[in-house]
Amino acid sequence: MSAALIVTSLVALAPQAVALPQRFQKQTVFSGLTSPTNVEFAADGRVFVAEKGGYIKVFDSLTDTTPTVYADLRTRVHDFWDRGLLGLALHPDFPDDPRVYVLYSYDAEPGGSAPAGAR
């Protein structure tokens, strides 16, 4: 009996679909991404997208539907639960200064080298 009550309670707590406010619309700009964590817009129109698993993909513009891989950090990134490639920033003078800064969980023991499983 208590199991039935728990199930009933969980169903009652399920999130309901929320309608968008007037004058708002939903539009998918990029699809086919896997766990995107950050988006950065470059002055030259390119759009950089960080994926939690370690890919940085770049779209030539908002209308580009096929990204290219800008960087593949999968062997260095520890992608587990709340860890992974979590942040991305372009240098303030990008693209004149082409540095891209990333924040990720390094897949190694302290003082070790990545990937942790390759020892």
PDB file of N, CA and C in Angstrom:
ATOM      1  N   MET A   1       0.828  -1.193   0.000  1.00  0.00           N
ATOM      2  CA  MET A   1       0.000   0.000   0.000  1.00  0.00           C
ATOM      3  C   MET A   1       0.867   1.251   0.000  1.00  0.00           C
ATOM      4  N   SER A   2       1.936   1.255   0.770  1.00  0.00           N
ATOM      5  CA  SER A   2       2.785   2.444   0.805  1.00  0.00           C
ATOM      6  C   SER A   2       3.473   2.666  -0.539  1.00  0.00           C
ATOM      7  N   ALA A   3       3.805   1.584  -1.266  1.00  0.00           N
ATOM      8  CA  ALA A   3       4.418   1.736  -2.585  1.00  0.00           C
ATOM      9  C   ALA A   3       3.469   2.438  -3.540  1.00  0.00           C
ATOM     10  N   ALA A   4       2.188   2.106  -3.472  1.00  0.00           N
ATOM     11  CA  ALA A   4       1.203   2.756  -4.334  1.00  0.00           C
ATOM     12  C   ALA A   4       1.091   4.240  -3.996  1.00  0.00           C
ATOM     13  N   LEU A   5       1.184   4.569  -2.715  1.00  0.00           N
ATOM     14  CA  LEU A   5       1.128   5.971  -2.317  1.00  0.00           C
ATOM     15  C   LEU A   5       2.339   6.734  -2.815  1.00  0.00           C
ATOM     16  N   ILE A   6       3.506   6.105  -2.790  1.00  0.00           N
ATOM     17  CA  ILE A   6       4.717   6.758  -3.272  1.00  0.00           C
ATOM     18  C   ILE A   6       4.614   7.029  -4.759  1.00  0.00           C
ATOM     19  N   VAL A   7       4.177   6.044  -5.525  1.00  0.00           N
ATOM     20  CA  VAL A   7       4.030   6.214  -6.969  1.00  0.00           C
ATOM     21  C   VAL A   7       3.037   7.316  -7.276  1.00  0.00           C
ATOM     22  N   THR A   8       1.927   7.317  -6.563  1.00  0.00           N
ATOM     23  CA  THR A   8       0.930   8.363  -6.766  1.00  0.00           C
ATOM     24  C   THR A   8       1.516   9.732  -6.462  1.00  0.00           C
ATOM     25  N   SER A   9       2.317   9.825  -5.403  1.00  0.00           N
ATOM     26  CA  SER A   9       2.933  11.096  -5.048  1.00  0.00           C
ATOM     27  C   SER A   9       3.921  11.553  -6.117  1.00  0.00           C
ATOM     28  N   LEU A  10       4.702  10.616  -6.650  1.00  0.00           N
ATOM     29  CA  LEU A  10       5.663  10.978  -7.678  1.00  0.00           C
ATOM     30  C   LEU A  10       4.985  11.462  -8.952  1.00  0.00           C
ATOM     31  N   VAL A  11       3.892  10.836  -9.318  1.00  0.00           N
ATOM     32  CA  VAL A  11       3.156  11.272 -10.505  1.00  0.00           C
ATOM     33  C   VAL A  11       2.616  12.674 -10.294  1.00  0.00           C
ATOM     34  N   ALA A  12       2.148  12.954  -9.099  1.00  0.00           N
ATOM     35  CA  ALA A  12       1.611  14.283  -8.808  1.00  0.00           C
ATOM     36  C   ALA A  12       2.695  15.353  -8.857  1.00  0.00           C
ATOM     37  N   LEU A  13       3.973  14.972  -8.612  1.00  0.00           N
ATOM     38  CA  LEU A  13       5.059  15.933  -8.610  1.00  0.00           C
ATOM     39  C   LEU A  13       5.716  16.101  -9.981  1.00  0.00           C
ATOM     40  N   ALA A  14       5.270  15.364 -10.984  1.00  0.00           N
ATOM     41  CA  ALA A  14       5.868  15.459 -12.317  1.00  0.00           C
ATOM     42  C   ALA A  14       5.704  16.880 -12.853  1.00  0.00           C
ATOM     43  N   PRO A  15       6.754  17.423 -13.507  1.00  0.00           N
ATOM     44  CA  PRO A  15       6.665  18.787 -14.021  1.00  0.00           C
ATOM     45  C   PRO A  15       5.622  18.908 -15.130  1.00  0.00           C
ATOM     46  N   GLN A  16       4.939  20.004 -15.134  1.00  0.00           N
ATOM     47  CA  GLN A  16       3.919  20.276 -16.143  1.00  0.00           C
ATOM     48  C   GLN A  16       4.516  21.157 -17.234  1.00  0.00           C
ATOM     49  N   ALA A  17       4.020  21.007 -18.440  1.00  0.00           N
ATOM     50  CA  ALA A  17       4.471  21.851 -19.543  1.00  0.00           C
ATOM     51  C   ALA A  17       4.080  23.297 -19.251  1.00  0.00           C
ATOM     52  N   VAL A  18       4.997  24.205 -19.471  1.00  0.00           N
ATOM     53  CA  VAL A  18       4.752  25.614 -19.204  1.00  0.00           C
ATOM     54  C   VAL A  18       4.654  26.350 -20.529  1.00  0.00           C
ATOM     55  N   ALA A  19       3.611  27.113 -20.688  1.00  0.00           N
ATOM     56  CA  ALA A  19       3.435  27.897 -21.909  1.00  0.00           C
ATOM     57  C   ALA A  19       4.358  29.110 -21.872  1.00  0.00           C
ATOM     58  N   LEU A  20       4.884  29.474 -23.025  1.00  0.00           N
ATOM     59  CA  LEU A  20       5.718  30.667 -23.113  1.00  0.00           C
ATOM     60  C   LEU A  20       4.875  31.916 -22.959  1.00  0.00           C
ATOM     61  N   PRO A  21       5.440  32.967 -22.383  1.00  0.00           N
ATOM     62  CA  PRO A  21       4.703  34.228 -22.295  1.00  0.00           C
ATOM     63  C   PRO A  21       4.392  34.767 -23.695  1.00  0.00           C
ATOM     64  N   GLN A  22       3.392  35.592 -23.774  1.00  0.00           N
ATOM     65  CA  GLN A  22       3.051  36.199 -25.061  1.00  0.00           C
ATOM     66  C   GLN A  22       4.260  36.920 -25.633  1.00  0.00           C
ATOM     67  N   ARG A  23       4.362  36.957 -26.926  1.00  0.00           N
ATOM     68  CA  ARG A  23       5.430  37.586 -27.697  1.00  0.00           C
ATOM     69  C   ARG A  23       6.755  36.829 -27.618  1.00  0.00           C
ATOM     70  N   PHE A  24       6.779  35.676 -26.974  1.00  0.00           N
ATOM     71  CA  PHE A  24       7.960  34.819 -26.972  1.00  0.00           C
ATOM     72  C   PHE A  24       7.696  33.651 -27.904  1.00  0.00           C
ATOM     73  N   GLN A  25       8.761  33.149 -28.495  1.00  0.00           N
ATOM     74  CA  GLN A  25       8.626  31.960 -29.327  1.00  0.00           C
ATOM     75  C   GLN A  25       9.826  31.057 -29.110  1.00  0.00           C
ATOM     76  N   LYS A  26       9.611  29.772 -29.304  1.00  0.00           N
ATOM     77  CA  LYS A  26      10.676  28.791 -29.148  1.00  0.00           C
ATOM     78  C   LYS A  26      11.228  28.473 -30.530  1.00  0.00           C
ATOM     79  N   GLN A  27      12.549  28.519 -30.652  1.00  0.00           N
ATOM     80  CA  GLN A  27      13.187  28.244 -31.937  1.00  0.00           C
ATOM     81  C   GLN A  27      14.492  27.496 -31.680  1.00  0.00           C
ATOM     82  N   THR A  28      14.662  26.361 -32.339  1.00  0.00           N
ATOM     83  CA  THR A  28      15.904  25.609 -32.240  1.00  0.00           C
ATOM     84  C   THR A  28      16.880  26.176 -33.254  1.00  0.00           C
ATOM     85  N   VAL A  29      18.020  26.644 -32.788  1.00  0.00           N
ATOM     86  CA  VAL A  29      19.030  27.218 -33.668  1.00  0.00           C
ATOM     87  C   VAL A  29      20.040  26.155 -34.075  1.00  0.00           C
ATOM     88  N   PHE A  30      20.549  25.392 -33.108  1.00  0.00           N
ATOM     89  CA  PHE A  30      21.503  24.321 -33.381  1.00  0.00           C
ATOM     90  C   PHE A  30      20.946  23.021 -32.821  1.00  0.00           C
ATOM     91  N   SER A  31      21.080  21.950 -33.575  1.00  0.00           N
ATOM     92  CA  SER A  31      20.665  20.642 -33.091  1.00  0.00           C
ATOM     93  C   SER A  31      21.813  19.664 -33.284  1.00  0.00           C
ATOM     94  N   GLY A  32      21.658  18.472 -32.731  1.00  0.00           N
ATOM     95  CA  GLY A  32      22.678  17.456 -32.876  1.00  0.00           C
ATOM     96  C   GLY A  32      23.853  17.604 -31.926  1.00  0.00           C
ATOM     97  N   LEU A  33      23.724  18.454 -30.935  1.00  0.00           N
ATOM     98  CA  LEU A  33      24.796  18.629 -29.952  1.00  0.00           C
ATOM     99  C   LEU A  33      24.581  17.664 -28.785  1.00  0.00           C
ATOM    100  N   THR A  34      25.671  17.275 -28.138  1.00  0.00           N
ATOM    101  CA  THR A  34      25.595  16.362 -27.011  1.00  0.00           C
ATOM    102  C   THR A  34      25.988  17.101 -25.733  1.00  0.00           C
ATOM    103  N   SER A  35      25.044  17.343 -24.893  1.00  0.00           N
ATOM    104  CA  SER A  35      25.250  18.015 -23.601  1.00  0.00           C
ATOM    105  C   SER A  35      26.036  19.317 -23.737  1.00  0.00           C
ATOM    106  N   PRO A  36      25.518  20.285 -24.492  1.00  0.00           N
ATOM    107  CA  PRO A  36      26.235  21.566 -24.594  1.00  0.00           C
ATOM    108  C   PRO A  36      26.230  22.282 -23.238  1.00  0.00           C
ATOM    109  N   THR A  37      27.365  22.876 -22.899  1.00  0.00           N
ATOM    110  CA  THR A  37      27.495  23.541 -21.602  1.00  0.00           C
ATOM    111  C   THR A  37      27.745  25.036 -21.714  1.00  0.00           C
ATOM    112  N   ASN A  38      28.207  25.506 -22.875  1.00  0.00           N
ATOM    113  CA  ASN A  38      28.544  26.917 -23.010  1.00  0.00           C
ATOM    114  C   ASN A  38      28.508  27.314 -24.474  1.00  0.00           C
ATOM    115  N   VAL A  39      28.103  28.543 -24.737  1.00  0.00           N
ATOM    116  CA  VAL A  39      28.075  29.093 -26.096  1.00  0.00           C
ATOM    117  C   VAL A  39      28.749  30.456 -26.058  1.00  0.00           C
ATOM    118  N   GLU A  40      29.639  30.705 -27.018  1.00  0.00           N
ATOM    119  CA  GLU A  40      30.313  32.001 -27.123  1.00  0.00           C
ATOM    120  C   GLU A  40      30.196  32.503 -28.557  1.00  0.00           C
ATOM    121  N   PHE A  41      29.904  33.776 -28.704  1.00  0.00           N
ATOM    122  CA  PHE A  41      29.752  34.399 -30.015  1.00  0.00           C
ATOM    123  C   PHE A  41      30.990  35.245 -30.313  1.00  0.00           C
ATOM    124  N   ALA A  42      31.658  34.943 -31.413  1.00  0.00           N
ATOM    125  CA  ALA A  42      32.839  35.697 -31.811  1.00  0.00           C
ATOM    126  C   ALA A  42      32.424  36.913 -32.637  1.00  0.00           C
ATOM    127  N   ALA A  43      33.274  37.942 -32.644  1.00  0.00           N
ATOM    128  CA  ALA A  43      32.991  39.169 -33.392  1.00  0.00           C
ATOM    129  C   ALA A  43      32.893  38.916 -34.891  1.00  0.00           C
ATOM    130  N   ASP A  44      33.538  37.854 -35.387  1.00  0.00           N
ATOM    131  CA  ASP A  44      33.494  37.562 -36.818  1.00  0.00           C
ATOM    132  C   ASP A  44      32.270  36.729 -37.222  1.00  0.00           C
ATOM    133  N   GLY A  45      31.344  36.494 -36.280  1.00  0.00           N
ATOM    134  CA  GLY A  45      30.100  35.791 -36.590  1.00  0.00           C
ATOM    135  C   GLY A  45      30.097  34.314 -36.238  1.00  0.00           C
ATOM    136  N   ARG A  46      31.256  33.762 -35.926  1.00  0.00           N
ATOM    137  CA  ARG A  46      31.298  32.345 -35.561  1.00  0.00           C
ATOM    138  C   ARG A  46      30.692  32.127 -34.175  1.00  0.00           C
ATOM    139  N   VAL A  47      30.170  30.920 -33.996  1.00  0.00           N
ATOM    140  CA  VAL A  47      29.565  30.545 -32.726  1.00  0.00           C
ATOM    141  C   VAL A  47      30.293  29.298 -32.212  1.00  0.00           C
ATOM    142  N   PHE A  48      30.879  29.399 -31.019  1.00  0.00           N
ATOM    143  CA  PHE A  48      31.609  28.301 -30.402  1.00  0.00           C
ATOM    144  C   PHE A  48      30.721  27.651 -29.356  1.00  0.00           C
ATOM    145  N   VAL A  49      30.681  26.319 -29.386  1.00  0.00           N
ATOM    146  CA  VAL A  49      29.858  25.571 -28.441  1.00  0.00           C
ATOM    147  C   VAL A  49      30.727  24.528 -27.750  1.00  0.00           C
ATOM    148  N   ALA A  50      30.725  24.534 -26.427  1.00  0.00           N
ATOM    149  CA  ALA A  50      31.436  23.526 -25.646  1.00  0.00           C
ATOM    150  C   ALA A  50      30.461  22.406 -25.313  1.00  0.00           C
ATOM    151  N   GLU A  51      30.907  21.169 -25.496  1.00  0.00           N
ATOM    152  CA  GLU A  51      30.123  20.013 -25.097  1.00  0.00           C
ATOM    153  C   GLU A  51      30.789  19.378 -23.875  1.00  0.00           C
ATOM    154  N   LYS A  52      29.995  18.942 -22.940  1.00  0.00           N
ATOM    155  CA  LYS A  52      30.475  18.430 -21.663  1.00  0.00           C
ATOM    156  C   LYS A  52      31.531  17.341 -21.816  1.00  0.00           C
ATOM    157  N   GLY A  53      31.427  16.510 -22.821  1.00  0.00           N
ATOM    158  CA  GLY A  53      32.351  15.413 -23.025  1.00  0.00           C
ATOM    159  C   GLY A  53      33.734  15.823 -23.486  1.00  0.00           C
ATOM    160  N   GLY A  54      33.903  17.064 -23.962  1.00  0.00           N
ATOM    161  CA  GLY A  54      35.231  17.532 -24.336  1.00  0.00           C
ATOM    162  C   GLY A  54      35.383  18.105 -25.724  1.00  0.00           C
ATOM    163  N   TYR A  55      34.325  18.090 -26.518  1.00  0.00           N
ATOM    164  CA  TYR A  55      34.407  18.706 -27.841  1.00  0.00           C
ATOM    165  C   TYR A  55      34.136  20.201 -27.752  1.00  0.00           C
ATOM    166  N   ILE A  56      34.857  20.980 -28.560  1.00  0.00           N
ATOM    167  CA  ILE A  56      34.499  22.373 -28.825  1.00  0.00           C
ATOM    168  C   ILE A  56      34.163  22.410 -30.307  1.00  0.00           C
ATOM    169  N   LYS A  57      32.929  22.772 -30.596  1.00  0.00           N
ATOM    170  CA  LYS A  57      32.480  22.833 -31.987  1.00  0.00           C
ATOM    171  C   LYS A  57      32.267  24.288 -32.371  1.00  0.00           C
ATOM    172  N   VAL A  58      32.450  24.573 -33.656  1.00  0.00           N
ATOM    173  CA  VAL A  58      32.278  25.943 -34.130  1.00  0.00           C
ATOM    174  C   VAL A  58      31.362  25.941 -35.348  1.00  0.00           C
ATOM    175  N   PHE A  59      30.396  26.841 -35.300  1.00  0.00           N
ATOM    176  CA  PHE A  59      29.493  27.093 -36.412  1.00  0.00           C
ATOM    177  C   PHE A  59      29.947  28.388 -37.072  1.00  0.00           C
ATOM    178  N   ASP A  60      29.926  28.448 -38.395  1.00  0.00           N
ATOM    179  CA  ASP A  60      30.363  29.648 -39.103  1.00  0.00           C
ATOM    180  C   ASP A  60      29.448  30.839 -38.854  1.00  0.00           C
ATOM    181  N   SER A  61      28.170  30.565 -38.563  1.00  0.00           N
ATOM    182  CA  SER A  61      27.191  31.614 -38.295  1.00  0.00           C
ATOM    183  C   SER A  61      25.977  30.966 -37.636  1.00  0.00           C
ATOM    184  N   LEU A  62      24.988  31.772 -37.305  1.00  0.00           N
ATOM    185  CA  LEU A  62      23.758  31.236 -36.719  1.00  0.00           C
ATOM    186  C   LEU A  62      22.949  30.419 -37.722  1.00  0.00           C
ATOM    187  N   THR A  63      23.224  30.580 -38.996  1.00  0.00           N
ATOM    188  CA  THR A  63      22.499  29.818 -40.015  1.00  0.00           C
ATOM    189  C   THR A  63      23.226  28.551 -40.438  1.00  0.00           C
ATOM    190  N   ASP A  64      24.462  28.371 -39.979  1.00  0.00           N
ATOM    191  CA  ASP A  64      25.234  27.165 -40.298  1.00  0.00           C
ATOM    192  C   ASP A  64      24.623  25.985 -39.557  1.00  0.00           C
ATOM    193  N   THR A  65      24.391  24.886 -40.250  1.00  0.00           N
ATOM    194  CA  THR A  65      23.799  23.709 -39.611  1.00  0.00           C
ATOM    195  C   THR A  65      24.817  22.587 -39.398  1.00  0.00           C
ATOM    196  N   THR A  66      26.024  22.767 -39.897  1.00  0.00           N
ATOM    197  CA  THR A  66      27.044  21.723 -39.789  1.00  0.00           C
ATOM    198  C   THR A  66      28.293  22.287 -39.108  1.00  0.00           C
ATOM    199  N   PRO A  67      28.489  21.969 -37.826  1.00  0.00           N
ATOM    200  CA  PRO A  67      29.660  22.503 -37.138  1.00  0.00           C
ATOM    201  C   PRO A  67      30.919  21.734 -37.516  1.00  0.00           C
ATOM    202  N   THR A  68      32.049  22.367 -37.281  1.00  0.00           N
ATOM    203  CA  THR A  68      33.325  21.680 -37.379  1.00  0.00           C
ATOM    204  C   THR A  68      33.887  21.558 -35.968  1.00  0.00           C
ATOM    205  N   VAL A  69      34.721  20.563 -35.759  1.00  0.00           N
ATOM    206  CA  VAL A  69      35.334  20.378 -34.446  1.00  0.00           C
ATOM    207  C   VAL A  69      36.525  21.318 -34.352  1.00  0.00           C
ATOM    208  N   TYR A  70      36.455  22.240 -33.433  1.00  0.00           N
ATOM    209  CA  TYR A  70      37.528  23.210 -33.213  1.00  0.00           C
ATOM    210  C   TYR A  70      38.616  22.588 -32.348  1.00  0.00           C
ATOM    211  N   ALA A  71      38.203  21.821 -31.331  1.00  0.00           N
ATOM    212  CA  ALA A  71      39.154  21.134 -30.447  1.00  0.00           C
ATOM    213  C   ALA A  71      38.500  19.882 -29.891  1.00  0.00           C
ATOM    214  N   ASP A  72      39.302  18.847 -29.744  1.00  0.00           N
ATOM    215  CA  ASP A  72      38.848  17.592 -29.160  1.00  0.00           C
ATOM    216  C   ASP A  72      39.668  17.349 -27.895  1.00  0.00           C
ATOM    217  N   LEU A  73      39.069  17.616 -26.749  1.00  0.00           N
ATOM    218  CA  LEU A  73      39.746  17.478 -25.462  1.00  0.00           C
ATOM    219  C   LEU A  73      39.279  16.242 -24.703  1.00  0.00           C
ATOM    220  N   ARG A  74      38.625  15.314 -25.396  1.00  0.00           N
ATOM    221  CA  ARG A  74      38.017  14.167 -24.716  1.00  0.00           C
ATOM    222  C   ARG A  74      39.010  13.334 -23.918  1.00  0.00           C
ATOM    223  N   THR A  75      40.262  13.219 -24.353  1.00  0.00           N
ATOM    224  CA  THR A  75      41.224  12.411 -23.599  1.00  0.00           C
ATOM    225  C   THR A  75      41.722  13.123 -22.349  1.00  0.00           C
ATOM    226  N   ARG A  76      41.467  14.399 -22.213  1.00  0.00           N
ATOM    227  CA  ARG A  76      41.904  15.171 -21.043  1.00  0.00           C
ATOM    228  C   ARG A  76      40.755  15.451 -20.074  1.00  0.00           C
ATOM    229  N   VAL A  77      39.515  15.390 -20.569  1.00  0.00           N
ATOM    230  CA  VAL A  77      38.341  15.777 -19.779  1.00  0.00           C
ATOM    231  C   VAL A  77      37.760  14.579 -19.045  1.00  0.00           C
ATOM    232  N   HIS A  78      37.521  14.752 -17.758  1.00  0.00           N
ATOM    233  CA  HIS A  78      36.842  13.732 -16.959  1.00  0.00           C
ATOM    234  C   HIS A  78      35.353  14.063 -16.963  1.00  0.00           C
ATOM    235  N   ASP A  79      34.623  13.380 -17.819  1.00  0.00           N
ATOM    236  CA  ASP A  79      33.188  13.631 -17.995  1.00  0.00           C
ATOM    237  C   ASP A  79      32.398  12.620 -17.176  1.00  0.00           C
ATOM    238  N   PHE A  80      32.027  13.011 -15.971  1.00  0.00           N
ATOM    239  CA  PHE A  80      31.270  12.139 -15.080  1.00  0.00           C
ATOM    240  C   PHE A  80      30.437  13.016 -14.153  1.00  0.00           C
ATOM    241  N   TRP A  81      29.158  12.752 -14.051  1.00  0.00           N
ATOM    242  CA  TRP A  81      28.199  13.489 -13.254  1.00  0.00           C
ATOM    243  C   TRP A  81      28.321  14.995 -13.491  1.00  0.00           C
ATOM    244  N   ASP A  82      28.794  15.725 -12.495  1.00  0.00           N
ATOM    245  CA  ASP A  82      28.868  17.179 -12.620  1.00  0.00           C
ATOM    246  C   ASP A  82      30.221  17.654 -13.127  1.00  0.00           C
ATOM    247  N   ARG A  83      31.041  16.732 -13.616  1.00  0.00           N
ATOM    248  CA  ARG A  83      32.357  17.077 -14.140  1.00  0.00           C
ATOM    249  C   ARG A  83      32.345  17.032 -15.656  1.00  0.00           C
ATOM    250  N   GLY A  84      33.299  17.684 -16.274  1.00  0.00           N
ATOM    251  CA  GLY A  84      33.419  17.688 -17.722  1.00  0.00           C
ATOM    252  C   GLY A  84      33.936  19.032 -18.210  1.00  0.00           C
ATOM    253  N   LEU A  85      33.738  19.301 -19.490  1.00  0.00           N
ATOM    254  CA  LEU A  85      34.072  20.603 -20.073  1.00  0.00           C
ATOM    255  C   LEU A  85      32.913  21.541 -19.752  1.00  0.00           C
ATOM    256  N   LEU A  86      33.129  22.448 -18.814  1.00  0.00           N
ATOM    257  CA  LEU A  86      32.033  23.245 -18.275  1.00  0.00           C
ATOM    258  C   LEU A  86      32.063  24.714 -18.665  1.00  0.00           C
ATOM    259  N   GLY A  87      33.209  25.218 -19.101  1.00  0.00           N
ATOM    260  CA  GLY A  87      33.291  26.634 -19.413  1.00  0.00           C
ATOM    261  C   GLY A  87      34.127  26.903 -20.640  1.00  0.00           C
ATOM    262  N   LEU A  88      33.821  27.991 -21.309  1.00  0.00           N
ATOM    263  CA  LEU A  88      34.501  28.388 -22.535  1.00  0.00           C
ATOM    264  C   LEU A  88      34.438  29.912 -22.621  1.00  0.00           C
ATOM    265  N   ALA A  89      35.560  30.520 -22.962  1.00  0.00           N
ATOM    266  CA  ALA A  89      35.598  31.970 -23.156  1.00  0.00           C
ATOM    267  C   ALA A  89      36.576  32.284 -24.272  1.00  0.00           C
ATOM    268  N   LEU A  90      36.230  33.252 -25.093  1.00  0.00           N
ATOM    269  CA  LEU A  90      37.116  33.726 -26.149  1.00  0.00           C
ATOM    270  C   LEU A  90      37.880  34.925 -25.624  1.00  0.00           C
ATOM    271  N   HIS A  91      39.124  35.071 -26.070  1.00  0.00           N
ATOM    272  CA  HIS A  91      39.909  36.236 -25.682  1.00  0.00           C
ATOM    273  C   HIS A  91      39.147  37.501 -26.093  1.00  0.00           C
ATOM    274  N   PRO A  92      39.210  38.573 -25.307  1.00  0.00           N
ATOM    275  CA  PRO A  92      38.472  39.796 -25.658  1.00  0.00           C
ATOM    276  C   PRO A  92      38.804  40.341 -27.056  1.00  0.00           C
ATOM    277  N   ASP A  93      40.020  40.080 -27.563  1.00  0.00           N
ATOM    278  CA  ASP A  93      40.392  40.555 -28.900  1.00  0.00           C
ATOM    279  C   ASP A  93      40.256  39.461 -29.960  1.00  0.00           C
ATOM    280  N   PHE A  94      39.490  38.413 -29.669  1.00  0.00           N
ATOM    281  CA  PHE A  94      39.295  37.339 -30.630  1.00  0.00           C
ATOM    282  C   PHE A  94      38.556  37.904 -31.847  1.00  0.00           C
ATOM    283  N   PRO A  95      38.901  37.612 -33.062  1.00  0.00           N
ATOM    284  CA  PRO A  95      39.851  36.630 -33.555  1.00  0.00           C
ATOM    285  C   PRO A  95      41.274  37.160 -33.750  1.00  0.00           C
ATOM    286  N   ASP A  96      41.527  38.462 -33.508  1.00  0.00           N
ATOM    287  CA  ASP A  96      42.898  38.965 -33.642  1.00  0.00           C
ATOM    288  C   ASP A  96      43.848  38.238 -32.697  1.00  0.00           C
ATOM    289  N   ASP A  97      43.383  37.976 -31.498  1.00  0.00           N
ATOM    290  CA  ASP A  97      44.121  37.136 -30.553  1.00  0.00           C
ATOM    291  C   ASP A  97      43.311  35.844 -30.439  1.00  0.00           C
ATOM    292  N   PRO A  98      43.762  34.765 -31.070  1.00  0.00           N
ATOM    293  CA  PRO A  98      42.922  33.571 -31.216  1.00  0.00           C
ATOM    294  C   PRO A  98      42.849  32.651 -29.997  1.00  0.00           C
ATOM    295  N   ARG A  99      43.193  33.147 -28.825  1.00  0.00           N
ATOM    296  CA  ARG A  99      43.159  32.276 -27.651  1.00  0.00           C
ATOM    297  C   ARG A  99      41.720  31.963 -27.226  1.00  0.00           C
ATOM    298  N   VAL A 100      41.517  30.687 -26.899  1.00  0.00           N
ATOM    299  CA  VAL A 100      40.240  30.204 -26.381  1.00  0.00           C
ATOM    300  C   VAL A 100      40.530  29.592 -25.017  1.00  0.00           C
ATOM    301  N   TYR A 101      39.811  30.043 -24.003  1.00  0.00           N
ATOM    302  CA  TYR A 101      40.019  29.567 -22.642  1.00  0.00           C
ATOM    303  C   TYR A 101      38.932  28.559 -22.294  1.00  0.00           C
ATOM    304  N   VAL A 102      39.320  27.469 -21.629  1.00  0.00           N
ATOM    305  CA  VAL A 102      38.354  26.440 -21.262  1.00  0.00           C
ATOM    306  C   VAL A 102      38.483  26.090 -19.787  1.00  0.00           C
ATOM    307  N   LEU A 103      37.394  25.661 -19.224  1.00  0.00           N
ATOM    308  CA  LEU A 103      37.347  25.170 -17.856  1.00  0.00           C
ATOM    309  C   LEU A 103      36.842  23.739 -17.909  1.00  0.00           C
ATOM    310  N   TYR A 104      37.669  22.806 -17.443  1.00  0.00           N
ATOM    311  CA  TYR A 104      37.239  21.414 -17.450  1.00  0.00           C
ATOM    312  C   TYR A 104      37.870  20.653 -16.298  1.00  0.00           C
ATOM    313  N   SER A 105      37.275  19.509 -15.976  1.00  0.00           N
ATOM    314  CA  SER A 105      37.819  18.605 -14.968  1.00  0.00           C
ATOM    315  C   SER A 105      38.861  17.735 -15.640  1.00  0.00           C
ATOM    316  N   TYR A 106      40.077  17.790 -15.140  1.00  0.00           N
ATOM    317  CA  TYR A 106      41.204  17.050 -15.725  1.00  0.00           C
ATOM    318  C   TYR A 106      41.112  15.583 -15.320  1.00  0.00           C
ATOM    319  N   ASP A 107      41.207  14.686 -16.280  1.00  0.00           N
ATOM    320  CA  ASP A 107      41.037  13.257 -16.048  1.00  0.00           C
ATOM    321  C   ASP A 107      42.351  12.608 -15.618  1.00  0.00           C
ATOM    322  N   ALA A 108      42.793  12.919 -14.402  1.00  0.00           N
ATOM    323  CA  ALA A 108      44.024  12.322 -13.885  1.00  0.00           C
ATOM    324  C   ALA A 108      44.081  12.510 -12.373  1.00  0.00           C
ATOM    325  N   GLU A 109      44.846  11.648 -11.731  1.00  0.00           N
ATOM    326  CA  GLU A 109      45.122  11.806 -10.310  1.00  0.00           C
ATOM    327  C   GLU A 109      46.022  13.034 -10.145  1.00  0.00           C
ATOM    328  N   PRO A 110      46.041  13.674  -8.969  1.00  0.00           N
ATOM    329  CA  PRO A 110      46.940  14.817  -8.765  1.00  0.00           C
ATOM    330  C   PRO A 110      48.384  14.449  -9.114  1.00  0.00           C
ATOM    331  N   GLY A 111      48.995  15.234  -9.960  1.00  0.00           N
ATOM    332  CA  GLY A 111      50.358  14.998 -10.422  1.00  0.00           C
ATOM    333  C   GLY A 111      50.464  13.999 -11.549  1.00  0.00           C
ATOM    334  N   GLY A 112      49.363  13.368 -11.918  1.00  0.00           N
ATOM    335  CA  GLY A 112      49.371  12.365 -12.974  1.00  0.00           C
ATOM    336  C   GLY A 112      49.077  12.963 -14.322  1.00  0.00           C
ATOM    337  N   SER A 113      49.000  12.111 -15.330  1.00  0.00           N
ATOM    338  CA  SER A 113      48.685  12.600 -16.670  1.00  0.00           C
ATOM    339  C   SER A 113      47.418  11.931 -17.176  1.00  0.00           C
ATOM    340  N   ALA A 114      46.761  12.609 -18.075  1.00  0.00           N
ATOM    341  CA  ALA A 114      45.496  12.139 -18.646  1.00  0.00           C
ATOM    342  C   ALA A 114      45.773  11.298 -19.890  1.00  0.00           C
ATOM    343  N   PRO A 115      44.870  10.402 -20.224  1.00  0.00           N
ATOM    344  CA  PRO A 115      43.686  10.012 -19.452  1.00  0.00           C
ATOM    345  C   PRO A 115      44.039   9.052 -18.330  1.00  0.00           C
ATOM    346  N   ALA A 116      43.265   9.099 -17.282  1.00  0.00           N
ATOM    347  CA  ALA A 116      43.544   8.309 -16.077  1.00  0.00           C
ATOM    348  C   ALA A 116      43.554   6.811 -16.365  1.00  0.00           C
ATOM    349  N   GLY A 117      42.697   6.325 -17.228  1.00  0.00           N
ATOM    350  CA  GLY A 117      42.605   4.905 -17.516  1.00  0.00           C
ATOM    351  C   GLY A 117      43.695   4.380 -18.421  1.00  0.00           C
ATOM    352  N   ALA A 118      44.580   5.223 -18.939  1.00  0.00           N
ATOM    353  CA  ALA A 118      45.589   4.804 -19.926  1.00  0.00           C
ATOM    354  C   ALA A 118      46.915   4.419 -19.279  1.00  0.00           C
ATOM    355  N   ARG A 119      46.985   4.298 -17.979  1.00  0.00           N
ATOM    356  CA  ARG A 119      48.254   3.990 -17.304  1.00  0.00           C
ATOM    357  C   ARG A 119      48.615   2.550 -17.454  1.00  0.00           C
TER     358      ARG A 119
END
